[in-house]
Amino acid sequence: MADTTATNSATETVNNETDNDTQNEKQPSSAEEGSETTTEVNEGDEQQAQEQQQPVVNCDVWTEDLAKEKQIFDALFSTRRPKDGWAGLSSGLKSVAKGTAAGLTALIASPMVGAQQEGVKGLAVGLITGVASAVTLPVTGVCVGAYQLSRGIVNSAEAIQKSAQGMVWNEQTREWYFYSMQQENTDVEQQMQDLQRKLQQSDNTSNNTSNDRPVQDRQYYDLLKVPTTASSADLKKAYYREARLVHPDKNPDDPDAADKFQKLGHAYQILSQPESRAHYDKHGIVSNNPSEMKLTDVDPRTFFAVMFGSDAVKPYIGELWIANKADTLLKDQALQEFANQHSGNGESSDESSNSKTSETKKESSERAQYKAQLEVLHQQHRQVQAALHLLSRIQPFVEGLQDEAEFIALAQEEAAIISKQDFGAVFLKAIGYSLELEAMDFLGSYQSFLGVDGHAAKFRKRQYLMANQLRLLTAAVAAARAGSAAYQEVERLQKQAAQLSEEANPQTIKLASEKIEESLPAILELAWAINIQDITRTLRGVCLKLFTDGAEHLTIEQRLKRAEGVWLLGREFYSMGSWLQ
């Protein structure tokens, strides 16, 4: 028994020693563990050091470079989705032409630039680069052109199908869609309001003016019959309204009509410019700067609207481009002159002056951008408004509420009213002929065999456009000659007057005025050539909107009925205008 116990104790002792040895083998000592940890840390430091020594790739730089290269490529080669085969061919030819021109330019310019910068070495490098570009760019242009042509051919089937459904091609999104005049009118008006708000905020920021502040004198506001809080648009409408009422041609029996018209024009000029309006609101007429009198007293918008415009035709063509453009150009020039005259008030440091100049340039750039966008929207709104009016004019005929005879009789009555306005006959011919051609184009495309009549109308439209362009070119040359001759004569009279006594000045001024008046017929002829071109292009867009509007829910017969009504209206307008002339 005792032997057995001793044996068991010895066995347990041996087992315990064996377990302890096993655990010691599995668990390293603290020194060994610390040594291994240190080794791992050192290896990590070495790896981190190696990573730091490797060059770091900046993804932003690569992205920026790729974006620049893509921008250059897109500017040189057009890869936008073509509408059909013809559009693909046009895009392809442009890419080939641009690639060839760019290659030739690089072949000539690269050696010259290289020689100028690095001498002989630069010349050699530039020559190699130029030759490579002269080969690569034309080949790229041919490849892109072939790609665009193939895309256009593939898209032709879709274009025929979508066009037959009355859908319209969107040049911005490069997609087909159903057009709606009402929707476009809503969208454009909203965009115009947003831009006008930005433009107004820019004016308020640059001029630090407030419409709510009290004014020193309100005589100019009373002349225009507007409150002192009137906006620029309110002032413009008020001036146009009052100018037509007091214009001397409208009041031949009133000896004071010319004076009233001049005062009204001067009041509008002062209030229409932010700087001069702020100066007037603060100081009134008494303390008004005499330099303000140098601003043009006759508003060019009213001049062209009164002379060329007519309330009877405005719903059909909107505001003439020449009136809008002349107003913008001349007013911007007057505004710049006024700002320059008042920029020297007070003394300031060069740093402050440079800061103001930088801010002014930035504000001017923003205003120019807003105005450019607003001008595009203005033309778009002008066309859609005219299209809506034309639709309301022919709608009774389209819906069968008026038969053809009644519709023609009403068209003749309207033409007679227009003929009594200033330049009524010219307006009737221009509007009538354009409406006829556009309607014949649409009707002929659907109602004749293979659209032969439509192609004939398109050919007549091209002839008419070319004739107008030739007339415009001829009138421009004649106006330039007449204006140059008048300017030289006035300059000669001024030099002559400088050598004579002051008593000769009135006679000199009279002669100069006569010379300027002699050039007016040529200038007016040029203005009318511009007007005809403007009316033709505007009505082309108007009719396109009218004939494609509502194709999603209107039948082709209803749309053809619209074109028929436009053709009848245009025919009567043109007949009346031709008869009067």
Foldseek 3Di string as FASTA:
>chain_A
DVVVVVVVVVVVVVVVVVVVVVVPVVDDDPVVVVVVVVVVVVVVVVVVVVVVVDDDDDVVVVVVVVVVVVVVVCVQAPPDQAQALVRLQVRLVSLLVSLQVQLVCQCPVQLVVLCVPPNPVRNVVSNVRSVVSNPPSNVVSNVSSVVSNVSRHVNHVVNVVLVVLLWDADPPVRDTDFDALVVLLVVLVVVLVVLVVVLVVLLCVLLVDDLPDAFPDCPLVVLLVHDSSDDLVRLVVSLLVVLVVLPCVNPVPDPCSVVSNLSNLLSSLQCNASVSVRVCRYPNDVPRDPVSVVQDSHQLLSVCCQQPNDPLCCLQQNRFPVSVVVNVVSSVVVNVVVCVVPVPPDDDDPVVVVVSVVVVVVSVVSSVVSVVVSVVSVLVSSLSSSLVVLCVLCVCPLVVVDDPVRSLVVLLVSLVVQCPGNVSLVVLQLLLVLLQLLLQLLCLCPPDDVSPSNVVSVVVLVVVLVVLVVQLVVLVVLLVVLVVVLVVLLVVLVVVVVVDDPVCVVVSVVVSVVSVVVSVVSVVSNVVSSRSNSRNVSVNSNLSSNLSHPSVPDDNSSSNSSSVSSNSSSVSSNVSSVVVD
